[in-house]
N, C-alpha and C. Protein backbone atom coordinates (compact mmCIF):
# COMPACT_ATOMS: atom_id res chain seq x y z
N MET A 1 53.31 -74.37 0.67
CA MET A 1 53.03 -75.11 0.71
C MET A 1 52.10 -76.04 1.54
N LYS A 2 51.15 -76.84 1.89
CA LYS A 2 50.47 -77.38 3.00
C LYS A 2 51.39 -78.92 2.88
N GLU A 3 51.61 -78.92 4.05
CA GLU A 3 52.29 -81.28 4.57
C GLU A 3 50.98 -81.19 4.47
N LYS A 4 51.25 -83.00 4.65
CA LYS A 4 50.29 -84.30 4.05
C LYS A 4 49.43 -83.96 3.34
N ILE A 5 49.16 -82.91 2.17
CA ILE A 5 47.80 -83.52 1.54
C ILE A 5 48.55 -83.59 0.24
N HIS A 6 49.90 -84.00 0.05
CA HIS A 6 50.23 -83.93 -1.51
C HIS A 6 50.60 -85.99 -2.04
N PRO A 7 50.59 -86.26 -2.80
CA PRO A 7 49.97 -87.75 -3.27
C PRO A 7 52.41 -88.29 -2.99
N LYS A 8 52.70 -89.08 -2.13
CA LYS A 8 53.74 -89.49 -2.99
C LYS A 8 54.35 -89.80 -4.27
N TYR A 9 55.24 -89.09 -4.95
CA TYR A 9 55.96 -88.96 -6.53
C TYR A 9 56.98 -89.28 -6.88
N ASN A 10 57.53 -90.96 -6.13
CA ASN A 10 58.00 -90.99 -6.61
C ASN A 10 59.06 -92.31 -7.58
N ILE A 11 60.18 -92.38 -7.63
CA ILE A 11 60.50 -92.87 -9.03
C ILE A 11 60.15 -94.40 -9.45
N CYS A 12 59.44 -94.34 -11.14
CA CYS A 12 58.70 -95.90 -11.61
C CYS A 12 59.30 -96.10 -12.22
N GLN A 13 59.01 -97.35 -12.90
CA GLN A 13 59.65 -97.96 -14.67
C GLN A 13 58.41 -98.15 -14.62
N ILE A 14 58.12 -97.97 -16.17
CA ILE A 14 57.06 -97.93 -16.67
C ILE A 14 57.49 -98.96 -18.04
N ARG A 15 57.33 -99.80 -18.24
CA ARG A 15 57.94 -101.31 -19.25
C ARG A 15 56.79 -101.53 -20.34
N CYS A 16 57.50 -101.28 -21.92
CA CYS A 16 56.31 -101.65 -22.81
C CYS A 16 57.02 -102.81 -23.34
N ALA A 17 55.76 -103.62 -24.07
CA ALA A 17 55.99 -104.99 -24.85
C ALA A 17 57.23 -106.03 -25.09
N CYS A 18 58.12 -104.56 -25.89
CA CYS A 18 59.11 -104.70 -26.91
C CYS A 18 60.09 -105.02 -25.98
N GLY A 19 59.77 -104.73 -24.84
CA GLY A 19 60.87 -104.60 -23.61
C GLY A 19 61.87 -103.26 -23.33
N ASN A 20 61.13 -102.13 -24.16
CA ASN A 20 61.87 -101.34 -23.48
C ASN A 20 61.40 -101.07 -22.29
N VAL A 21 61.98 -100.00 -21.31
CA VAL A 21 61.73 -99.44 -20.44
C VAL A 21 62.47 -98.20 -19.92
N VAL A 22 61.98 -97.14 -18.96
CA VAL A 22 61.94 -95.60 -18.95
C VAL A 22 61.06 -95.68 -17.72
N GLU A 23 62.39 -95.18 -16.93
CA GLU A 23 61.93 -94.93 -15.19
C GLU A 23 61.52 -93.18 -15.32
N THR A 24 60.84 -92.59 -15.13
CA THR A 24 60.36 -91.71 -14.13
C THR A 24 59.83 -91.24 -13.15
N ARG A 25 58.92 -90.33 -12.93
CA ARG A 25 58.92 -90.07 -11.76
C ARG A 25 56.47 -89.99 -12.04
N SER A 26 55.91 -91.17 -11.08
CA SER A 26 54.71 -90.77 -10.98
C SER A 26 54.58 -91.39 -9.60
N THR A 27 52.29 -90.89 -10.03
CA THR A 27 52.16 -90.75 -8.41
C THR A 27 51.24 -92.59 -8.01
N ARG A 28 51.61 -93.24 -9.75
CA ARG A 28 51.36 -94.27 -10.27
C ARG A 28 52.08 -95.68 -9.55
N GLY A 29 52.74 -95.51 -9.44
CA GLY A 29 53.90 -96.61 -9.21
C GLY A 29 54.52 -97.46 -10.60
N ASP A 30 54.77 -98.26 -10.24
CA ASP A 30 54.87 -98.79 -11.87
C ASP A 30 54.13 -99.42 -12.35
N PHE A 31 54.01 -99.32 -14.05
CA PHE A 31 53.13 -100.53 -14.72
C PHE A 31 53.62 -101.10 -16.24
N ALA A 32 53.09 -100.98 -17.60
CA ALA A 32 53.67 -102.03 -17.87
C ALA A 32 52.43 -100.94 -19.39
N THR A 33 53.28 -101.18 -20.37
CA THR A 33 52.37 -100.66 -21.67
C THR A 33 52.55 -101.93 -23.09
N GLU A 34 51.97 -101.70 -23.84
CA GLU A 34 52.09 -102.32 -25.22
C GLU A 34 52.49 -101.60 -25.74
N VAL A 35 52.55 -100.33 -26.46
CA VAL A 35 53.59 -100.00 -26.99
C VAL A 35 53.97 -98.27 -26.65
N CYS A 36 55.13 -98.15 -27.10
CA CYS A 36 56.59 -97.04 -27.20
C CYS A 36 57.20 -96.25 -28.40
N GLY A 37 57.43 -95.46 -27.47
CA GLY A 37 57.54 -94.46 -28.69
C GLY A 37 59.19 -95.26 -29.44
N ALA A 38 59.93 -96.14 -28.87
CA ALA A 38 60.32 -97.00 -29.48
C ALA A 38 60.21 -97.99 -30.96
N CYS A 39 58.79 -98.28 -30.22
CA CYS A 39 58.79 -99.29 -31.21
C CYS A 39 56.81 -99.66 -31.91
N HIS A 40 56.52 -97.47 -31.59
CA HIS A 40 55.50 -97.67 -32.18
C HIS A 40 55.80 -97.11 -33.80
N PRO A 41 54.33 -97.98 -34.67
CA PRO A 41 54.78 -97.33 -36.13
C PRO A 41 55.14 -95.84 -36.95
N PHE A 42 54.33 -95.14 -36.12
CA PHE A 42 54.22 -93.29 -36.31
C PHE A 42 55.19 -93.29 -36.18
N TYR A 43 56.39 -94.02 -34.69
CA TYR A 43 57.67 -92.99 -35.07
C TYR A 43 58.26 -93.41 -34.85
N THR A 44 58.93 -94.57 -35.52
CA THR A 44 59.94 -95.63 -35.76
C THR A 44 60.10 -95.16 -37.56
N GLY A 45 59.09 -94.97 -38.56
CA GLY A 45 58.98 -94.35 -39.90
C GLY A 45 59.03 -96.48 -40.34
N LYS A 46 58.37 -96.57 -39.33
CA LYS A 46 57.09 -97.78 -40.29
C LYS A 46 55.83 -98.02 -40.51
N GLN A 47 55.15 -97.16 -40.35
CA GLN A 47 54.00 -96.84 -40.44
C GLN A 47 53.58 -96.98 -42.22
N LYS A 48 52.27 -97.76 -42.13
CA LYS A 48 51.97 -97.90 -43.91
C LYS A 48 50.00 -97.41 -43.96
N ILE A 49 50.11 -96.99 -45.22
CA ILE A 49 49.21 -96.12 -45.14
C ILE A 49 48.09 -97.61 -45.93
N MET A 50 46.58 -97.85 -45.36
CA MET A 50 45.97 -98.87 -46.01
C MET A 50 44.43 -98.26 -46.87
N ASP A 51 44.82 -98.11 -48.10
CA ASP A 51 44.28 -97.83 -48.97
C ASP A 51 43.40 -98.86 -49.78
N THR A 52 42.86 -99.10 -49.30
CA THR A 52 41.83 -100.19 -49.45
C THR A 52 40.81 -99.75 -50.63
N ALA A 53 39.87 -98.59 -50.76
CA ALA A 53 38.90 -98.25 -51.11
C ALA A 53 39.77 -97.61 -51.93
N GLY A 54 40.96 -97.14 -52.25
CA GLY A 54 41.82 -95.92 -53.68
C GLY A 54 41.62 -94.72 -53.60
N ARG A 55 41.27 -94.51 -51.57
CA ARG A 55 40.90 -92.91 -51.42
C ARG A 55 41.65 -92.31 -51.47
N VAL A 56 42.77 -92.78 -50.92
CA VAL A 56 43.53 -91.87 -51.68
C VAL A 56 44.47 -91.37 -53.17
N ASP A 57 44.36 -92.38 -53.74
CA ASP A 57 44.56 -92.16 -55.75
C ASP A 57 43.46 -91.08 -56.03
N ARG A 58 42.07 -91.59 -55.01
CA ARG A 58 41.02 -90.63 -55.31
C ARG A 58 41.10 -89.05 -54.51
N PHE A 59 42.20 -89.47 -54.28
CA PHE A 59 42.17 -87.49 -53.42
C PHE A 59 43.32 -86.72 -54.18
N ARG A 60 43.99 -87.42 -55.11
CA ARG A 60 45.29 -87.02 -55.78
C ARG A 60 45.29 -86.58 -56.54
N LYS A 61 43.86 -87.53 -57.90
CA LYS A 61 43.52 -86.68 -58.51
C LYS A 61 42.53 -85.60 -58.64
N ARG A 62 41.84 -85.55 -57.48
CA ARG A 62 41.38 -84.28 -57.87
C ARG A 62 42.24 -83.18 -57.38
N TYR A 63 42.84 -83.55 -56.74
CA TYR A 63 43.72 -82.23 -55.55
C TYR A 63 45.14 -81.71 -56.81
N GLU A 64 44.98 -82.75 -58.24
CA GLU A 64 46.18 -82.19 -58.81
C GLU A 64 46.10 -81.27 -59.92
N LYS A 65 44.55 -81.41 -59.81
CA LYS A 65 43.99 -80.73 -61.64
C LYS A 65 44.06 -78.75 -60.70
N ILE A 66 43.77 -78.88 -59.69
CA ILE A 66 43.81 -77.43 -59.34
C ILE A 66 45.29 -76.67 -58.84
N ALA A 67 46.17 -75.89 -60.10
CA ALA A 67 46.91 -75.95 -59.93
C ALA A 67 47.29 -73.96 -59.09
N PRO A 68 48.76 -73.87 -58.01
CA PRO A 68 48.94 -73.57 -56.71
C PRO A 68 48.63 -71.40 -57.62
N ARG A 69 47.95 -71.01 -56.88
CA ARG A 69 48.51 -69.77 -57.30
C ARG A 69 49.42 -68.95 -56.91
N ALA A 70 49.74 -68.52 -57.07
CA ALA A 70 51.23 -67.26 -57.76
C ALA A 70 50.88 -65.87 -56.82
N LYS A 71 51.47 -65.56 -55.95
CA LYS A 71 51.56 -64.05 -55.91
C LYS A 71 52.57 -63.53 -55.61
């Protein structure tokens, strides 16, 4: 590899708004995020499906009529 053309790849800390701190390496340095894997609803299992127009129910009713094909 050529010398003096690559950026510094130092250890940094990523801080989440929930207080979680992750140590990694980056050329950018330390930075903060709003959500992480420890507090994001998708990864914690606390995600809620908002169905204001009844779309999920209409989808389920439509596809309950179709019986699975057995081969």
